[in-house]
Amino acid sequence: MAKIFSMQPLVHLAHQKNDDATRKFGQLIQQQQAAQTKLHTLEQYREDYQTRLQQAVRNGIDQTSLRNFQDFIRRLDEAVAQQLNAIEQMHHLMQAGRNELANTQRNMKSFDTLAQRHLESEKKLEDKLEQRQQDEHTGRHSALKARAAQDEI
């Protein structure tokens, strides 16, 4: 009977940590995609508003409306800058998440290798024991045959 691998709880823990890191990295990917979508939306809105301003200027616009347009475009520029900053921070979080995932995968593979080596070692021991038992059985059977042949003489 094979011995239980003493490090099995660590193997299980390594798999759990890898699953957690994978899940966390997936969430980071979704957050990054949402941040990129938000940036694209802001940039598109700013472009549309800039087009409206240019059209209003061509059609004639009063000073107050011009100032309102310009203030709003400035606020959109600030929002775009903030979103770019958020994307940059997200990039750093993604890199950290990628590193964490690589580390957990490396640890998990190391423990899996140890567990596999343990199984192979136990299999070799079982095979040797089985071979020894078979050899003993064959030896006893041969000895019985030899005794029986001796008794017939």
C-alpha atoms as a PDB file:
ATOM      1  CA  MET A   1       0.000   0.000   0.000  1.00  0.00           C
ATOM      2  CA  ALA A   2       1.397   3.390  -1.024  1.00  0.00           C
ATOM      3  CA  LYS A   3       2.259   5.957   1.608  1.00  0.00           C
ATOM      4  CA  ILE A   4       0.292   9.177   1.565  1.00  0.00           C
ATOM      5  CA  PHE A   5       2.266  12.118   0.234  1.00  0.00           C
ATOM      6  CA  SER A   6       3.097  14.176   3.315  1.00  0.00           C
ATOM      7  CA  MET A   7       3.092  17.444   1.352  1.00  0.00           C
ATOM      8  CA  GLN A   8      -0.382  16.910  -0.125  1.00  0.00           C
ATOM      9  CA  PRO A   9      -1.861  19.805   1.916  1.00  0.00           C
ATOM     10  CA  LEU A  10       0.782  22.090   0.396  1.00  0.00           C
ATOM     11  CA  VAL A  11      -0.065  20.824  -3.102  1.00  0.00           C
ATOM     12  CA  HIS A  12      -3.718  21.610  -2.439  1.00  0.00           C
ATOM     13  CA  LEU A  13      -2.832  25.058  -1.069  1.00  0.00           C
ATOM     14  CA  ALA A  14      -0.645  25.804  -4.115  1.00  0.00           C
ATOM     15  CA  HIS A  15      -3.565  24.910  -6.406  1.00  0.00           C
ATOM     16  CA  GLN A  16      -5.908  27.151  -4.407  1.00  0.00           C
ATOM     17  CA  LYS A  17      -3.469  30.057  -4.561  1.00  0.00           C
ATOM     18  CA  ASN A  18      -3.084  29.559  -8.303  1.00  0.00           C
ATOM     19  CA  ASP A  19      -6.857  29.502  -8.757  1.00  0.00           C
ATOM     20  CA  ASP A  20      -7.172  32.705  -6.700  1.00  0.00           C
ATOM     21  CA  ALA A  21      -4.403  34.428  -8.677  1.00  0.00           C
ATOM     22  CA  THR A  22      -6.038  33.346 -11.947  1.00  0.00           C
ATOM     23  CA  ARG A  23      -9.411  34.687 -10.817  1.00  0.00           C
ATOM     24  CA  LYS A  24      -7.843  37.955  -9.627  1.00  0.00           C
ATOM     25  CA  PHE A  25      -5.963  38.376 -12.909  1.00  0.00           C
ATOM     26  CA  GLY A  26      -9.202  37.783 -14.830  1.00  0.00           C
ATOM     27  CA  GLN A  27     -10.869  40.527 -12.816  1.00  0.00           C
ATOM     28  CA  LEU A  28      -7.954  42.861 -13.566  1.00  0.00           C
ATOM     29  CA  ILE A  29      -8.354  42.161 -17.276  1.00  0.00           C
ATOM     30  CA  GLN A  30     -12.056  43.039 -17.069  1.00  0.00           C
ATOM     31  CA  GLN A  31     -11.268  46.246 -15.157  1.00  0.00           C
ATOM     32  CA  GLN A  32      -8.643  47.210 -17.724  1.00  0.00           C
ATOM     33  CA  GLN A  33     -11.098  46.645 -20.559  1.00  0.00           C
ATOM     34  CA  ALA A  34     -13.722  48.745 -18.759  1.00  0.00           C
ATOM     35  CA  ALA A  35     -11.165  51.532 -18.225  1.00  0.00           C
ATOM     36  CA  GLN A  36     -10.192  51.448 -21.914  1.00  0.00           C
ATOM     37  CA  THR A  37     -13.853  51.554 -22.925  1.00  0.00           C
ATOM     38  CA  LYS A  38     -14.449  54.532 -20.632  1.00  0.00           C
ATOM     39  CA  LEU A  39     -11.430  56.339 -22.108  1.00  0.00           C
ATOM     40  CA  HIS A  40     -12.660  55.684 -25.640  1.00  0.00           C
ATOM     41  CA  THR A  41     -16.113  56.993 -24.703  1.00  0.00           C
ATOM     42  CA  LEU A  42     -14.647  60.164 -23.165  1.00  0.00           C
ATOM     43  CA  GLU A  43     -12.415  60.782 -26.174  1.00  0.00           C
ATOM     44  CA  GLN A  44     -15.320  60.221 -28.549  1.00  0.00           C
ATOM     45  CA  TYR A  45     -17.531  62.570 -26.526  1.00  0.00           C
ATOM     46  CA  ARG A  46     -14.804  65.238 -26.505  1.00  0.00           C
ATOM     47  CA  GLU A  47     -14.367  64.904 -30.260  1.00  0.00           C
ATOM     48  CA  ASP A  48     -18.119  65.216 -30.797  1.00  0.00           C
ATOM     49  CA  TYR A  49     -18.312  68.249 -28.537  1.00  0.00           C
ATOM     50  CA  GLN A  50     -15.326  69.846 -30.315  1.00  0.00           C
ATOM     51  CA  THR A  51     -17.157  69.341 -33.637  1.00  0.00           C
ATOM     52  CA  ARG A  52     -20.280  70.966 -32.166  1.00  0.00           C
ATOM     53  CA  LEU A  53     -18.195  73.931 -30.996  1.00  0.00           C
ATOM     54  CA  GLN A  54     -16.645  74.388 -34.432  1.00  0.00           C
ATOM     55  CA  GLN A  55     -20.081  74.244 -36.030  1.00  0.00           C
ATOM     56  CA  ALA A  56     -21.483  76.725 -33.505  1.00  0.00           C
ATOM     57  CA  VAL A  57     -18.569  79.111 -34.173  1.00  0.00           C
ATOM     58  CA  ARG A  58     -19.244  78.910 -37.930  1.00  0.00           C
ATOM     59  CA  ASN A  59     -22.931  79.621 -37.334  1.00  0.00           C
ATOM     60  CA  GLY A  60     -22.195  82.410 -34.855  1.00  0.00           C
ATOM     61  CA  ILE A  61     -22.082  81.943 -31.109  1.00  0.00           C
ATOM     62  CA  ASP A  62     -22.356  84.373 -28.227  1.00  0.00           C
ATOM     63  CA  GLN A  63     -19.518  84.862 -25.737  1.00  0.00           C
ATOM     64  CA  THR A  64     -21.246  83.016 -22.874  1.00  0.00           C
ATOM     65  CA  SER A  65     -22.013  79.948 -24.956  1.00  0.00           C
ATOM     66  CA  LEU A  66     -18.430  79.931 -26.297  1.00  0.00           C
ATOM     67  CA  ARG A  67     -17.064  80.082 -22.741  1.00  0.00           C
ATOM     68  CA  ASN A  68     -19.441  77.245 -21.699  1.00  0.00           C
ATOM     69  CA  PHE A  69     -18.282  75.103 -24.614  1.00  0.00           C
ATOM     70  CA  GLN A  70     -14.644  75.776 -23.799  1.00  0.00           C
ATOM     71  CA  ASP A  71     -15.157  75.042 -20.084  1.00  0.00           C
ATOM     72  CA  PHE A  72     -16.920  71.811 -20.864  1.00  0.00           C
ATOM     73  CA  ILE A  73     -14.190  70.731 -23.306  1.00  0.00           C
ATOM     74  CA  ARG A  74     -11.581  71.587 -20.645  1.00  0.00           C
ATOM     75  CA  ARG A  75     -13.448  69.367 -18.140  1.00  0.00           C
ATOM     76  CA  LEU A  76     -13.567  66.604 -20.724  1.00  0.00           C
ATOM     77  CA  ASP A  77      -9.811  66.992 -21.232  1.00  0.00           C
ATOM     78  CA  GLU A  78      -9.330  66.666 -17.465  1.00  0.00           C
ATOM     79  CA  ALA A  79     -11.532  63.562 -17.415  1.00  0.00           C
ATOM     80  CA  VAL A  80      -9.488  62.051 -20.271  1.00  0.00           C
ATOM     81  CA  ALA A  81      -6.260  62.831 -18.398  1.00  0.00           C
ATOM     82  CA  GLN A  82      -7.642  61.226 -15.222  1.00  0.00           C
ATOM     83  CA  GLN A  83      -8.716  58.174 -17.187  1.00  0.00           C
ATOM     84  CA  LEU A  84      -5.273  57.901 -18.773  1.00  0.00           C
ATOM     85  CA  ASN A  85      -3.819  58.025 -15.264  1.00  0.00           C
ATOM     86  CA  ALA A  86      -6.231  55.296 -14.142  1.00  0.00           C
ATOM     87  CA  ILE A  87      -5.200  53.166 -17.129  1.00  0.00           C
ATOM     88  CA  GLU A  88      -1.540  53.650 -16.241  1.00  0.00           C
ATOM     89  CA  GLN A  89      -2.250  52.504 -12.683  1.00  0.00           C
ATOM     90  CA  MET A  90      -4.206  49.577 -14.071  1.00  0.00           C
ATOM     91  CA  HIS A  91      -1.194  48.692 -16.217  1.00  0.00           C
ATOM     92  CA  HIS A  92       0.952  48.444 -13.061  1.00  0.00           C
ATOM     93  CA  LEU A  93      -1.703  46.334 -11.330  1.00  0.00           C
ATOM     94  CA  MET A  94      -1.881  44.061 -14.368  1.00  0.00           C
ATOM     95  CA  GLN A  95       1.896  43.578 -14.320  1.00  0.00           C
ATOM     96  CA  ALA A  96       1.799  42.754 -10.606  1.00  0.00           C
ATOM     97  CA  GLY A  97      -1.095  40.348 -11.208  1.00  0.00           C
ATOM     98  CA  ARG A  98       0.773  38.726 -14.089  1.00  0.00           C
ATOM     99  CA  ASN A  99       3.847  38.283 -11.864  1.00  0.00           C
ATOM    100  CA  GLU A 100       1.756  36.849  -9.031  1.00  0.00           C
ATOM    101  CA  LEU A 101       0.093  34.404 -11.405  1.00  0.00           C
ATOM    102  CA  ALA A 102       3.459  33.303 -12.799  1.00  0.00           C
ATOM    103  CA  ASN A 103       4.760  32.743  -9.264  1.00  0.00           C
ATOM    104  CA  THR A 104       1.742  30.720  -8.182  1.00  0.00           C
ATOM    105  CA  GLN A 105       1.941  28.633 -11.352  1.00  0.00           C
ATOM    106  CA  ARG A 106       5.636  27.987 -10.753  1.00  0.00           C
ATOM    107  CA  ASN A 107       4.961  26.947  -7.130  1.00  0.00           C
ATOM    108  CA  MET A 108       2.050  24.745  -8.161  1.00  0.00           C
ATOM    109  CA  LYS A 109       4.151  23.007 -10.820  1.00  0.00           C
ATOM    110  CA  SER A 110       6.958  22.458  -8.301  1.00  0.00           C
ATOM    111  CA  PHE A 111       4.609  20.807  -5.824  1.00  0.00           C
ATOM    112  CA  ASP A 112       2.969  18.800  -8.602  1.00  0.00           C
ATOM    113  CA  THR A 113       6.418  17.566  -9.651  1.00  0.00           C
ATOM    114  CA  LEU A 114       7.190  16.545  -6.079  1.00  0.00           C
ATOM    115  CA  ALA A 115       3.860  14.732  -5.825  1.00  0.00           C
ATOM    116  CA  GLN A 116       4.500  12.960  -9.138  1.00  0.00           C
ATOM    117  CA  ARG A 117       7.960  11.894  -7.976  1.00  0.00           C
ATOM    118  CA  HIS A 118       6.424  10.558  -4.781  1.00  0.00           C
ATOM    119  CA  LEU A 119       3.891   8.532  -6.782  1.00  0.00           C
ATOM    120  CA  GLU A 120       6.608   7.170  -9.059  1.00  0.00           C
ATOM    121  CA  SER A 121       8.757   6.230  -6.066  1.00  0.00           C
ATOM    122  CA  GLU A 122       5.847   4.468  -4.389  1.00  0.00           C
ATOM    123  CA  LYS A 123       5.060   2.664  -7.646  1.00  0.00           C
ATOM    124  CA  LYS A 124       8.657   1.448  -7.902  1.00  0.00           C
ATOM    125  CA  LEU A 125       8.521   0.202  -4.308  1.00  0.00           C
ATOM    126  CA  GLU A 126       5.241  -1.598  -5.000  1.00  0.00           C
ATOM    127  CA  ASP A 127       6.676  -3.148  -8.158  1.00  0.00           C
ATOM    128  CA  LYS A 128       9.759  -4.337  -6.267  1.00  0.00           C
ATOM    129  CA  LEU A 129       7.612  -5.815  -3.496  1.00  0.00           C
ATOM    130  CA  GLU A 130       5.370  -7.540  -6.015  1.00  0.00           C
ATOM    131  CA  GLN A 131       8.425  -8.899  -7.876  1.00  0.00           C
ATOM    132  CA  ARG A 132       9.926 -10.127  -4.606  1.00  0.00           C
ATOM    133  CA  GLN A 133       6.673 -11.865  -3.661  1.00  0.00           C
ATOM    134  CA  GLN A 134       6.420 -13.402  -7.108  1.00  0.00           C
ATOM    135  CA  ASP A 135      10.045 -14.581  -6.901  1.00  0.00           C
ATOM    136  CA  GLU A 136       9.409 -16.100  -3.476  1.00  0.00           C
ATOM    137  CA  HIS A 137       6.279 -17.839  -4.743  1.00  0.00           C
ATOM    138  CA  THR A 138       8.130 -19.160  -7.778  1.00  0.00           C
ATOM    139  CA  GLY A 139      11.003 -20.288  -5.530  1.00  0.00           C
ATOM    140  CA  ARG A 140       8.663 -22.114  -3.164  1.00  0.00           C
ATOM    141  CA  HIS A 141       6.840 -23.711  -6.067  1.00  0.00           C
ATOM    142  CA  SER A 142      10.163 -24.848  -7.597  1.00  0.00           C
ATOM    143  CA  ALA A 143      11.321 -26.188  -4.223  1.00  0.00           C
ATOM    144  CA  LEU A 144       8.057 -28.140  -3.825  1.00  0.00           C
ATOM    145  CA  LYS A 145       8.435 -29.579  -7.339  1.00  0.00           C
ATOM    146  CA  ALA A 146      12.044 -30.511  -6.605  1.00  0.00           C
ATOM    147  CA  ARG A 147      11.016 -32.231  -3.343  1.00  0.00           C
ATOM    148  CA  ALA A 148       8.212 -34.046  -5.080  1.00  0.00           C
ATOM    149  CA  ALA A 149      10.616 -35.207  -7.799  1.00  0.00           C
ATOM    150  CA  GLN A 150      13.079 -36.279  -5.087  1.00  0.00           C
ATOM    151  CA  ASP A 151      10.383 -38.217  -3.288  1.00  0.00           C
ATOM    152  CA  GLU A 152       9.476 -40.082  -6.502  1.00  0.00           C
ATOM    153  CA  ILE A 153      13.001 -41.344  -6.941  1.00  0.00           C
END
